[in-house]
N, C-alpha and C. Protein backbone atom coordinates (compact mmCIF):
# COMPACT_ATOMS: atom_id res chain seq x y z
N MET A 1 -80.77 -2.32 -83.98
CA MET A 1 -80.64 -3.57 -83.27
C MET A 1 -79.53 -3.50 -82.23
N ARG A 2 -78.36 -2.95 -82.62
CA ARG A 2 -77.25 -2.82 -81.67
C ARG A 2 -77.65 -1.96 -80.49
N ARG A 3 -78.36 -0.88 -80.75
CA ARG A 3 -78.79 0.02 -79.68
C ARG A 3 -79.69 -0.73 -78.70
N GLY A 4 -80.57 -1.58 -79.22
CA GLY A 4 -81.46 -2.37 -78.37
C GLY A 4 -80.69 -3.37 -77.52
N ILE A 5 -79.68 -4.00 -78.10
CA ILE A 5 -78.85 -4.96 -77.36
C ILE A 5 -78.06 -4.23 -76.28
N ALA A 6 -77.51 -3.07 -76.62
CA ALA A 6 -76.75 -2.29 -75.64
C ALA A 6 -77.65 -1.86 -74.48
N LEU A 7 -78.88 -1.44 -74.79
CA LEU A 7 -79.82 -1.03 -73.75
C LEU A 7 -80.18 -2.22 -72.86
N LEU A 8 -80.41 -3.37 -73.46
CA LEU A 8 -80.72 -4.57 -72.69
C LEU A 8 -79.56 -4.95 -71.78
N ALA A 9 -78.35 -4.88 -72.28
CA ALA A 9 -77.16 -5.20 -71.48
C ALA A 9 -77.03 -4.25 -70.30
N MET A 10 -77.28 -2.95 -70.52
CA MET A 10 -77.21 -1.98 -69.43
C MET A 10 -78.27 -2.27 -68.37
N LEU A 11 -79.46 -2.61 -68.81
CA LEU A 11 -80.53 -2.93 -67.85
C LEU A 11 -80.20 -4.17 -67.04
N LEU A 12 -79.61 -5.17 -67.69
CA LEU A 12 -79.22 -6.38 -66.96
C LEU A 12 -78.13 -6.07 -65.94
N CYS A 13 -77.18 -5.21 -66.29
CA CYS A 13 -76.13 -4.82 -65.36
C CYS A 13 -76.71 -4.11 -64.15
N VAL A 14 -77.65 -3.21 -64.37
CA VAL A 14 -78.29 -2.49 -63.28
C VAL A 14 -79.06 -3.46 -62.40
N ALA A 15 -79.80 -4.38 -63.00
CA ALA A 15 -80.57 -5.36 -62.24
C ALA A 15 -79.64 -6.24 -61.40
N CYS A 16 -78.50 -6.64 -61.98
CA CYS A 16 -77.56 -7.48 -61.24
C CYS A 16 -76.93 -6.71 -60.09
N ALA A 17 -76.65 -5.44 -60.28
CA ALA A 17 -76.02 -4.63 -59.23
C ALA A 17 -76.94 -4.45 -58.05
N ASP A 18 -78.26 -4.42 -58.28
CA ASP A 18 -79.21 -4.21 -57.20
C ASP A 18 -79.63 -5.51 -56.52
N SER A 19 -79.32 -6.66 -57.11
CA SER A 19 -79.74 -7.92 -56.52
C SER A 19 -78.82 -8.27 -55.36
N PRO A 20 -79.39 -8.91 -54.33
CA PRO A 20 -78.55 -9.29 -53.19
C PRO A 20 -77.54 -10.35 -53.60
N PRO A 21 -76.39 -10.41 -52.89
CA PRO A 21 -75.39 -11.42 -53.23
C PRO A 21 -75.96 -12.82 -53.05
N GLN A 22 -75.56 -13.71 -53.91
CA GLN A 22 -76.03 -15.09 -53.84
C GLN A 22 -75.35 -15.79 -52.66
N PRO A 23 -76.09 -16.67 -51.98
CA PRO A 23 -75.48 -17.41 -50.87
C PRO A 23 -74.29 -18.23 -51.35
N VAL A 24 -73.36 -18.43 -50.46
CA VAL A 24 -72.16 -19.20 -50.76
C VAL A 24 -72.19 -20.47 -49.93
N SER A 25 -71.89 -21.59 -50.55
CA SER A 25 -71.81 -22.85 -49.83
C SER A 25 -70.50 -22.93 -49.07
N GLU A 26 -70.52 -23.68 -47.99
CA GLU A 26 -69.29 -23.91 -47.24
C GLU A 26 -68.33 -24.73 -48.08
N PRO A 27 -67.07 -24.33 -48.15
CA PRO A 27 -66.11 -25.19 -48.84
C PRO A 27 -65.80 -26.42 -47.98
N ALA A 28 -65.30 -27.45 -48.60
CA ALA A 28 -64.96 -28.68 -47.88
C ALA A 28 -63.79 -28.44 -46.92
N GLY A 29 -62.84 -27.64 -47.36
CA GLY A 29 -61.68 -27.33 -46.52
C GLY A 29 -61.69 -25.88 -46.12
N PHE A 30 -60.53 -25.32 -45.93
CA PHE A 30 -60.42 -23.90 -45.60
C PHE A 30 -60.54 -23.07 -46.87
N TRP A 31 -61.08 -21.87 -46.74
CA TRP A 31 -61.21 -20.97 -47.87
C TRP A 31 -59.84 -20.37 -48.18
N THR A 32 -59.41 -20.49 -49.43
CA THR A 32 -58.11 -19.96 -49.83
C THR A 32 -58.23 -18.88 -50.89
N GLY A 33 -59.45 -18.48 -51.22
CA GLY A 33 -59.66 -17.43 -52.21
C GLY A 33 -59.53 -16.06 -51.56
N PRO A 34 -60.08 -15.03 -52.21
CA PRO A 34 -60.02 -13.69 -51.64
C PRO A 34 -60.66 -13.67 -50.25
N MET A 35 -60.03 -13.01 -49.31
CA MET A 35 -60.50 -13.05 -47.92
C MET A 35 -61.72 -12.17 -47.68
N GLN A 36 -61.98 -11.23 -48.54
CA GLN A 36 -63.17 -10.37 -48.42
C GLN A 36 -64.19 -10.79 -49.46
N GLY A 37 -65.44 -10.96 -49.03
CA GLY A 37 -66.49 -11.33 -49.97
C GLY A 37 -67.64 -12.00 -49.24
N VAL A 38 -68.58 -12.47 -50.01
CA VAL A 38 -69.74 -13.13 -49.43
C VAL A 38 -69.27 -14.42 -48.76
N VAL A 39 -69.74 -14.62 -47.53
CA VAL A 39 -69.36 -15.79 -46.75
C VAL A 39 -70.58 -16.70 -46.57
N PRO A 40 -70.37 -17.95 -46.19
CA PRO A 40 -71.51 -18.84 -45.98
C PRO A 40 -72.38 -18.38 -44.81
N ALA A 41 -73.57 -18.90 -44.74
CA ALA A 41 -74.48 -18.59 -43.63
C ALA A 41 -74.35 -19.63 -42.53
N SER A 42 -73.42 -20.56 -42.67
CA SER A 42 -73.27 -21.63 -41.69
C SER A 42 -71.82 -22.03 -41.55
N ILE A 43 -71.56 -22.81 -40.50
CA ILE A 43 -70.25 -23.41 -40.32
C ILE A 43 -70.46 -24.79 -39.69
N ALA A 44 -70.11 -25.81 -40.40
CA ALA A 44 -70.33 -27.19 -39.93
C ALA A 44 -69.57 -27.43 -38.63
N GLY A 45 -70.28 -27.95 -37.65
CA GLY A 45 -69.68 -28.24 -36.36
C GLY A 45 -69.67 -27.07 -35.40
N GLY A 46 -70.11 -25.91 -35.87
CA GLY A 46 -70.15 -24.72 -35.03
C GLY A 46 -71.50 -24.05 -35.14
N ARG A 47 -71.59 -22.90 -34.54
CA ARG A 47 -72.85 -22.16 -34.53
C ARG A 47 -72.59 -20.71 -34.95
N VAL A 48 -73.42 -20.21 -35.85
CA VAL A 48 -73.35 -18.82 -36.26
C VAL A 48 -74.20 -18.01 -35.29
N VAL A 49 -73.65 -16.90 -34.79
CA VAL A 49 -74.39 -16.04 -33.86
C VAL A 49 -74.48 -14.63 -34.40
N ASP A 50 -75.61 -13.97 -34.09
CA ASP A 50 -75.75 -12.56 -34.43
C ASP A 50 -75.42 -11.73 -33.19
N THR A 51 -75.54 -10.43 -33.31
CA THR A 51 -75.14 -9.55 -32.22
C THR A 51 -75.94 -9.78 -30.95
N GLN A 52 -77.24 -9.96 -31.08
CA GLN A 52 -78.08 -10.19 -29.91
C GLN A 52 -77.69 -11.51 -29.22
N GLN A 53 -77.47 -12.54 -29.99
CA GLN A 53 -77.07 -13.83 -29.41
C GLN A 53 -75.69 -13.73 -28.77
N LEU A 54 -74.78 -12.98 -29.40
CA LEU A 54 -73.45 -12.81 -28.84
C LEU A 54 -73.52 -12.05 -27.52
N ALA A 55 -74.33 -11.00 -27.46
CA ALA A 55 -74.46 -10.23 -26.22
C ALA A 55 -74.95 -11.13 -25.09
N ALA A 56 -75.89 -12.02 -25.38
CA ALA A 56 -76.37 -12.96 -24.36
C ALA A 56 -75.28 -13.96 -23.99
N LEU A 57 -74.56 -14.45 -24.98
CA LEU A 57 -73.49 -15.42 -24.76
C LEU A 57 -72.36 -14.83 -23.92
N MET A 58 -72.14 -13.53 -24.04
CA MET A 58 -71.05 -12.88 -23.31
C MET A 58 -71.26 -12.97 -21.80
N GLN A 59 -72.48 -13.20 -21.37
CA GLN A 59 -72.75 -13.37 -19.93
C GLN A 59 -72.03 -14.60 -19.37
N SER A 60 -71.78 -15.59 -20.21
CA SER A 60 -71.10 -16.81 -19.77
C SER A 60 -69.58 -16.73 -19.94
N ARG A 61 -69.08 -15.57 -20.30
CA ARG A 61 -67.65 -15.30 -20.44
C ARG A 61 -66.95 -16.29 -21.39
N PRO A 62 -67.37 -16.28 -22.66
CA PRO A 62 -66.69 -17.14 -23.63
C PRO A 62 -65.31 -16.60 -23.95
N VAL A 63 -64.52 -17.40 -24.59
CA VAL A 63 -63.23 -16.95 -25.12
C VAL A 63 -63.55 -16.20 -26.41
N LEU A 64 -63.13 -14.94 -26.50
CA LEU A 64 -63.37 -14.11 -27.68
C LEU A 64 -62.07 -13.98 -28.46
N VAL A 65 -62.11 -14.42 -29.73
CA VAL A 65 -60.90 -14.43 -30.55
C VAL A 65 -61.11 -13.57 -31.79
N ASP A 66 -60.41 -12.46 -31.84
CA ASP A 66 -60.42 -11.55 -32.97
C ASP A 66 -59.27 -11.97 -33.88
N VAL A 67 -59.58 -12.29 -35.13
CA VAL A 67 -58.54 -12.78 -36.04
C VAL A 67 -58.25 -11.80 -37.18
N ALA A 68 -58.70 -10.57 -37.04
CA ALA A 68 -58.48 -9.56 -38.09
C ALA A 68 -56.99 -9.37 -38.35
N MET A 69 -56.69 -9.15 -39.60
CA MET A 69 -55.30 -8.86 -39.97
C MET A 69 -54.99 -7.41 -39.61
N PRO A 70 -53.76 -7.12 -39.22
CA PRO A 70 -53.41 -5.72 -38.91
C PRO A 70 -53.45 -4.86 -40.16
N ILE A 71 -53.71 -3.59 -39.96
CA ILE A 71 -53.69 -2.65 -41.08
C ILE A 71 -52.24 -2.43 -41.49
N ARG A 72 -51.99 -2.53 -42.78
CA ARG A 72 -50.63 -2.37 -43.29
C ARG A 72 -50.31 -0.91 -43.58
N ARG A 73 -49.06 -0.58 -43.49
CA ARG A 73 -48.59 0.77 -43.79
C ARG A 73 -48.82 1.05 -45.27
N PRO A 74 -49.51 2.16 -45.58
CA PRO A 74 -49.69 2.51 -46.99
C PRO A 74 -48.32 2.76 -47.65
N ASP A 75 -48.19 2.34 -48.89
CA ASP A 75 -46.93 2.50 -49.62
C ASP A 75 -46.52 3.96 -49.75
N THR A 76 -47.48 4.87 -49.67
CA THR A 76 -47.18 6.29 -49.83
C THR A 76 -46.58 6.93 -48.58
N ILE A 77 -46.58 6.19 -47.48
CA ILE A 77 -46.02 6.73 -46.23
C ILE A 77 -44.66 6.09 -46.01
N PRO A 78 -43.63 6.89 -45.79
CA PRO A 78 -42.28 6.33 -45.61
C PRO A 78 -42.19 5.42 -44.38
N GLU A 79 -41.38 4.39 -44.52
CA GLU A 79 -41.15 3.47 -43.41
C GLU A 79 -40.58 4.24 -42.23
N GLY A 80 -40.98 3.88 -41.04
CA GLY A 80 -40.47 4.53 -39.84
C GLY A 80 -41.26 5.76 -39.42
N THR A 81 -42.18 6.23 -40.28
CA THR A 81 -42.96 7.43 -39.93
C THR A 81 -44.42 7.10 -39.67
N TRP A 82 -44.82 5.86 -39.93
CA TRP A 82 -46.22 5.50 -39.82
C TRP A 82 -46.49 4.79 -38.50
N VAL A 83 -47.56 5.18 -37.86
CA VAL A 83 -48.02 4.50 -36.66
C VAL A 83 -49.39 3.92 -36.99
N PRO A 84 -49.55 2.62 -36.85
CA PRO A 84 -50.86 2.04 -37.18
C PRO A 84 -51.94 2.55 -36.23
N PRO A 85 -53.17 2.63 -36.72
CA PRO A 85 -54.25 3.08 -35.84
C PRO A 85 -54.52 2.04 -34.77
N PRO A 86 -55.11 2.45 -33.66
CA PRO A 86 -55.43 1.47 -32.61
C PRO A 86 -56.42 0.43 -33.13
N HIS A 87 -56.29 -0.79 -32.63
CA HIS A 87 -57.17 -1.88 -33.04
C HIS A 87 -58.30 -2.01 -32.02
N HIS A 88 -59.51 -1.70 -32.46
CA HIS A 88 -60.69 -1.83 -31.61
C HIS A 88 -61.28 -3.22 -31.76
N THR A 89 -61.68 -3.78 -30.63
CA THR A 89 -62.26 -5.11 -30.63
C THR A 89 -63.27 -5.22 -29.49
N LEU A 90 -63.89 -6.38 -29.38
CA LEU A 90 -64.86 -6.61 -28.31
C LEU A 90 -64.15 -6.68 -26.96
N PRO A 91 -64.78 -6.16 -25.92
CA PRO A 91 -64.16 -6.22 -24.59
C PRO A 91 -63.84 -7.67 -24.19
N GLY A 92 -62.60 -7.88 -23.75
CA GLY A 92 -62.17 -9.20 -23.33
C GLY A 92 -61.59 -10.06 -24.42
N ALA A 93 -61.60 -9.58 -25.65
CA ALA A 93 -61.08 -10.38 -26.76
C ALA A 93 -59.57 -10.37 -26.81
N VAL A 94 -59.02 -11.46 -27.35
CA VAL A 94 -57.60 -11.51 -27.68
C VAL A 94 -57.52 -11.37 -29.19
N TRP A 95 -56.47 -10.71 -29.65
CA TRP A 95 -56.28 -10.47 -31.08
C TRP A 95 -55.17 -11.37 -31.59
N LEU A 96 -55.54 -12.35 -32.41
CA LEU A 96 -54.60 -13.33 -32.95
C LEU A 96 -54.60 -13.25 -34.48
N PRO A 97 -53.99 -12.22 -35.04
CA PRO A 97 -54.01 -12.10 -36.51
C PRO A 97 -53.23 -13.23 -37.18
N GLY A 98 -53.73 -13.61 -38.34
CA GLY A 98 -53.03 -14.61 -39.15
C GLY A 98 -53.57 -16.02 -39.00
N VAL A 99 -54.33 -16.30 -37.93
CA VAL A 99 -54.81 -17.67 -37.74
C VAL A 99 -56.01 -18.00 -38.62
N GLY A 100 -56.53 -17.00 -39.33
CA GLY A 100 -57.66 -17.23 -40.21
C GLY A 100 -57.29 -17.35 -41.67
N LYS A 101 -56.02 -17.36 -41.98
CA LYS A 101 -55.61 -17.55 -43.37
C LYS A 101 -56.04 -18.93 -43.83
N GLY A 102 -56.23 -19.07 -45.13
CA GLY A 102 -56.62 -20.36 -45.68
C GLY A 102 -55.56 -21.42 -45.48
N VAL A 103 -54.31 -21.01 -45.58
CA VAL A 103 -53.18 -21.90 -45.35
C VAL A 103 -52.29 -21.21 -44.31
N VAL A 104 -52.04 -21.91 -43.21
CA VAL A 104 -51.16 -21.36 -42.19
C VAL A 104 -49.93 -22.25 -42.08
N THR A 105 -48.84 -21.67 -41.62
CA THR A 105 -47.62 -22.44 -41.43
C THR A 105 -47.80 -23.37 -40.23
N PRO A 106 -47.01 -24.42 -40.14
CA PRO A 106 -47.08 -25.29 -38.96
C PRO A 106 -46.85 -24.52 -37.65
N VAL A 107 -45.99 -23.52 -37.67
CA VAL A 107 -45.73 -22.71 -36.47
C VAL A 107 -47.00 -21.97 -36.04
N VAL A 108 -47.68 -21.33 -36.99
CA VAL A 108 -48.91 -20.61 -36.68
C VAL A 108 -49.99 -21.58 -36.21
N ASP A 109 -50.09 -22.73 -36.86
CA ASP A 109 -51.08 -23.73 -36.47
C ASP A 109 -50.85 -24.19 -35.03
N MET A 110 -49.62 -24.53 -34.69
CA MET A 110 -49.30 -24.98 -33.33
C MET A 110 -49.53 -23.85 -32.33
N TRP A 111 -49.19 -22.62 -32.71
CA TRP A 111 -49.38 -21.47 -31.81
C TRP A 111 -50.86 -21.22 -31.55
N TYR A 112 -51.68 -21.26 -32.59
CA TYR A 112 -53.13 -21.05 -32.42
C TYR A 112 -53.71 -22.14 -31.53
N ARG A 113 -53.34 -23.37 -31.78
CA ARG A 113 -53.81 -24.49 -30.96
C ARG A 113 -53.41 -24.28 -29.49
N ALA A 114 -52.16 -23.88 -29.27
CA ALA A 114 -51.67 -23.66 -27.90
C ALA A 114 -52.38 -22.47 -27.24
N ARG A 115 -52.62 -21.40 -28.00
CA ARG A 115 -53.31 -20.23 -27.42
C ARG A 115 -54.73 -20.61 -27.04
N LEU A 116 -55.44 -21.36 -27.90
CA LEU A 116 -56.79 -21.78 -27.56
C LEU A 116 -56.79 -22.68 -26.33
N GLN A 117 -55.81 -23.57 -26.24
CA GLN A 117 -55.73 -24.44 -25.08
C GLN A 117 -55.51 -23.60 -23.81
N ALA A 118 -54.64 -22.61 -23.87
CA ALA A 118 -54.39 -21.76 -22.71
C ALA A 118 -55.63 -20.92 -22.37
N LEU A 119 -56.28 -20.37 -23.39
CA LEU A 119 -57.44 -19.50 -23.16
C LEU A 119 -58.64 -20.26 -22.63
N THR A 120 -58.76 -21.53 -22.99
CA THR A 120 -59.89 -22.35 -22.54
C THR A 120 -59.54 -23.18 -21.31
N GLY A 121 -58.30 -23.11 -20.87
CA GLY A 121 -57.88 -23.98 -19.76
C GLY A 121 -57.93 -25.44 -20.15
N GLY A 122 -57.83 -25.73 -21.45
CA GLY A 122 -57.86 -27.10 -21.94
C GLY A 122 -59.26 -27.69 -22.00
N ASP A 123 -60.29 -26.86 -21.77
CA ASP A 123 -61.68 -27.32 -21.78
C ASP A 123 -62.22 -27.24 -23.21
N LEU A 124 -62.34 -28.39 -23.87
CA LEU A 124 -62.81 -28.42 -25.26
C LEU A 124 -64.27 -28.00 -25.39
N ALA A 125 -65.01 -27.95 -24.29
CA ALA A 125 -66.41 -27.53 -24.31
C ALA A 125 -66.59 -26.05 -23.95
N LYS A 126 -65.50 -25.36 -23.63
CA LYS A 126 -65.59 -23.93 -23.29
C LYS A 126 -66.04 -23.16 -24.53
N PRO A 127 -67.06 -22.30 -24.41
CA PRO A 127 -67.50 -21.52 -25.58
C PRO A 127 -66.39 -20.62 -26.11
N ILE A 128 -66.24 -20.64 -27.41
CA ILE A 128 -65.27 -19.80 -28.12
C ILE A 128 -66.06 -19.03 -29.18
N VAL A 129 -65.80 -17.73 -29.29
CA VAL A 129 -66.41 -16.90 -30.33
C VAL A 129 -65.29 -16.36 -31.20
N VAL A 130 -65.36 -16.62 -32.49
CA VAL A 130 -64.34 -16.17 -33.43
C VAL A 130 -64.97 -15.12 -34.36
N PHE A 131 -64.25 -14.02 -34.58
CA PHE A 131 -64.77 -12.93 -35.41
C PHE A 131 -63.62 -12.12 -35.99
N CYS A 132 -63.94 -11.28 -36.94
CA CYS A 132 -63.02 -10.25 -37.45
C CYS A 132 -63.86 -9.11 -37.99
N HIS A 133 -64.04 -9.05 -39.30
CA HIS A 133 -64.83 -7.99 -39.94
C HIS A 133 -65.96 -8.62 -40.74
N PRO A 134 -66.98 -7.85 -41.08
CA PRO A 134 -68.05 -8.40 -41.92
C PRO A 134 -67.49 -8.89 -43.27
N LYS A 135 -68.08 -9.93 -43.78
CA LYS A 135 -67.70 -10.50 -45.08
C LYS A 135 -66.22 -10.87 -45.12
N CYS A 136 -65.75 -11.45 -44.03
CA CYS A 136 -64.34 -11.85 -43.95
C CYS A 136 -64.24 -13.34 -43.73
N TRP A 137 -63.57 -14.00 -44.64
CA TRP A 137 -63.38 -15.44 -44.54
C TRP A 137 -62.41 -15.82 -43.44
N GLY A 138 -61.59 -14.88 -42.97
CA GLY A 138 -60.61 -15.20 -41.93
C GLY A 138 -61.24 -15.75 -40.67
N SER A 139 -62.36 -15.16 -40.24
CA SER A 139 -63.00 -15.65 -39.02
C SER A 139 -63.64 -17.01 -39.27
N TRP A 140 -64.18 -17.22 -40.46
CA TRP A 140 -64.76 -18.53 -40.78
C TRP A 140 -63.67 -19.60 -40.73
N ASN A 141 -62.52 -19.31 -41.37
CA ASN A 141 -61.41 -20.27 -41.36
C ASN A 141 -60.92 -20.55 -39.95
N ALA A 142 -60.76 -19.50 -39.14
CA ALA A 142 -60.25 -19.69 -37.77
C ALA A 142 -61.24 -20.46 -36.91
N ALA A 143 -62.54 -20.22 -37.11
CA ALA A 143 -63.55 -20.99 -36.38
C ALA A 143 -63.51 -22.46 -36.82
N LYS A 144 -63.39 -22.68 -38.12
CA LYS A 144 -63.31 -24.05 -38.65
C LYS A 144 -62.07 -24.76 -38.09
N ARG A 145 -60.98 -24.03 -37.99
CA ARG A 145 -59.74 -24.60 -37.46
C ARG A 145 -59.96 -25.02 -35.99
N ALA A 146 -60.63 -24.16 -35.21
CA ALA A 146 -60.90 -24.49 -33.79
C ALA A 146 -61.79 -25.73 -33.70
N ILE A 147 -62.75 -25.84 -34.59
CA ILE A 147 -63.62 -27.03 -34.62
C ILE A 147 -62.78 -28.27 -34.92
N GLN A 148 -61.86 -28.15 -35.86
CA GLN A 148 -61.00 -29.29 -36.20
C GLN A 148 -60.07 -29.66 -35.05
N TYR A 149 -59.73 -28.70 -34.19
CA TYR A 149 -58.91 -28.99 -33.02
C TYR A 149 -59.70 -29.77 -31.97
N GLY A 150 -61.01 -29.86 -32.14
CA GLY A 150 -61.83 -30.62 -31.20
C GLY A 150 -62.72 -29.79 -30.29
N TYR A 151 -62.73 -28.47 -30.46
CA TYR A 151 -63.60 -27.62 -29.63
C TYR A 151 -65.05 -27.82 -30.07
N THR A 152 -65.92 -27.98 -29.08
CA THR A 152 -67.30 -28.36 -29.38
C THR A 152 -68.31 -27.22 -29.23
N ALA A 153 -67.86 -26.07 -28.77
CA ALA A 153 -68.77 -24.93 -28.59
C ALA A 153 -68.20 -23.70 -29.30
N VAL A 154 -67.91 -23.88 -30.58
CA VAL A 154 -67.34 -22.79 -31.39
C VAL A 154 -68.48 -21.99 -32.00
N HIS A 155 -68.42 -20.68 -31.78
CA HIS A 155 -69.41 -19.75 -32.33
C HIS A 155 -68.69 -18.83 -33.31
N TRP A 156 -69.29 -18.63 -34.45
CA TRP A 156 -68.74 -17.73 -35.46
C TRP A 156 -69.64 -16.50 -35.53
N TYR A 157 -69.03 -15.33 -35.36
CA TYR A 157 -69.76 -14.06 -35.40
C TYR A 157 -69.37 -13.32 -36.68
N PRO A 158 -70.09 -13.57 -37.79
CA PRO A 158 -69.69 -13.00 -39.08
C PRO A 158 -69.89 -11.49 -39.19
N ASP A 159 -70.64 -10.86 -38.29
CA ASP A 159 -70.84 -9.41 -38.37
C ASP A 159 -69.60 -8.65 -37.91
N GLY A 160 -68.72 -9.30 -37.19
CA GLY A 160 -67.46 -8.72 -36.79
C GLY A 160 -67.58 -7.51 -35.88
N VAL A 161 -66.45 -6.91 -35.63
CA VAL A 161 -66.41 -5.79 -34.70
C VAL A 161 -67.29 -4.62 -35.18
N GLU A 162 -67.40 -4.45 -36.49
CA GLU A 162 -68.25 -3.37 -37.00
C GLU A 162 -69.72 -3.63 -36.69
N GLY A 163 -70.15 -4.88 -36.78
CA GLY A 163 -71.52 -5.23 -36.43
C GLY A 163 -71.78 -4.97 -34.96
N TRP A 164 -70.80 -5.27 -34.13
CA TRP A 164 -70.89 -5.03 -32.69
C TRP A 164 -71.02 -3.53 -32.42
N GLN A 165 -70.17 -2.74 -33.05
CA GLN A 165 -70.20 -1.29 -32.87
C GLN A 165 -71.50 -0.69 -33.42
N ASP A 166 -71.95 -1.15 -34.57
CA ASP A 166 -73.18 -0.63 -35.17
C ASP A 166 -74.39 -0.87 -34.28
N ALA A 167 -74.32 -1.89 -33.44
CA ALA A 167 -75.42 -2.19 -32.51
C ALA A 167 -75.30 -1.37 -31.22
N GLY A 168 -74.33 -0.45 -31.18
CA GLY A 168 -74.18 0.41 -30.01
C GLY A 168 -73.39 -0.21 -28.88
N GLN A 169 -72.72 -1.31 -29.14
CA GLN A 169 -71.93 -1.99 -28.11
C GLN A 169 -70.55 -1.35 -28.01
N SER A 170 -69.95 -1.46 -26.85
CA SER A 170 -68.64 -0.84 -26.62
C SER A 170 -67.51 -1.73 -27.13
N THR A 171 -66.40 -1.11 -27.40
CA THR A 171 -65.19 -1.82 -27.82
C THR A 171 -64.04 -1.39 -26.93
N THR A 172 -62.95 -2.08 -27.08
CA THR A 172 -61.74 -1.74 -26.36
C THR A 172 -60.57 -1.85 -27.34
N VAL A 173 -59.45 -1.26 -26.99
CA VAL A 173 -58.26 -1.30 -27.83
C VAL A 173 -57.31 -2.36 -27.28
N VAL A 174 -56.79 -3.20 -28.18
CA VAL A 174 -55.84 -4.25 -27.78
C VAL A 174 -54.65 -4.27 -28.73
N LEU A 175 -53.61 -4.92 -28.28
CA LEU A 175 -52.44 -5.15 -29.12
C LEU A 175 -52.50 -6.58 -29.65
N ALA A 176 -51.92 -6.77 -30.82
CA ALA A 176 -51.90 -8.09 -31.44
C ALA A 176 -50.92 -9.01 -30.70
N GLU A 177 -51.32 -10.25 -30.62
CA GLU A 177 -50.39 -11.30 -30.19
C GLU A 177 -49.81 -11.92 -31.46
N SER A 178 -48.63 -12.44 -31.37
CA SER A 178 -48.07 -13.07 -32.56
C SER A 178 -47.31 -14.33 -32.18
N PRO A 179 -47.24 -15.26 -33.11
CA PRO A 179 -46.56 -16.52 -32.81
C PRO A 179 -45.07 -16.28 -32.59
N PRO A 180 -44.44 -17.18 -31.86
CA PRO A 180 -42.99 -17.03 -31.68
C PRO A 180 -42.28 -17.14 -33.02
N SER A 181 -41.20 -16.40 -33.16
CA SER A 181 -40.48 -16.46 -34.45
C SER A 181 -39.30 -17.39 -34.37
């Protein structure tokens, strides 16, 4: 009997491992759980775009906002000897790490709001595309934040820079911008 139960449990584990991830509902507020994982298929008040739609949208020169967090120095490498790898992003994008956290400080919130205002020329209808990496809640949070600021043409690109690259599109290297300290 135990052998049969163990075999059944193993089969269920294998079946679960092969099943696609279950859809996730949008949270009411910002996502504060693990930043990597299954993300919703929608964003209230905004529009989800795939690579083909983004390529077409790029003809209208939207504001492209990369919110990926910088790669941290591995603990095994001594401080002062590590140089982070270059950050590849979509051509024309600005890199604003930290604005996609579930909870941001008032300084980061004001800085993100001010950067979007500068990048859009204060035009709340200017198209904005927010992205980072696939299965990353940071871009969803940052897009939601832009929507809450009153921007009406916010696009969320959940495939991120890797999705762009996988489609054969070019990237460029940029440096991170950071809020004033």
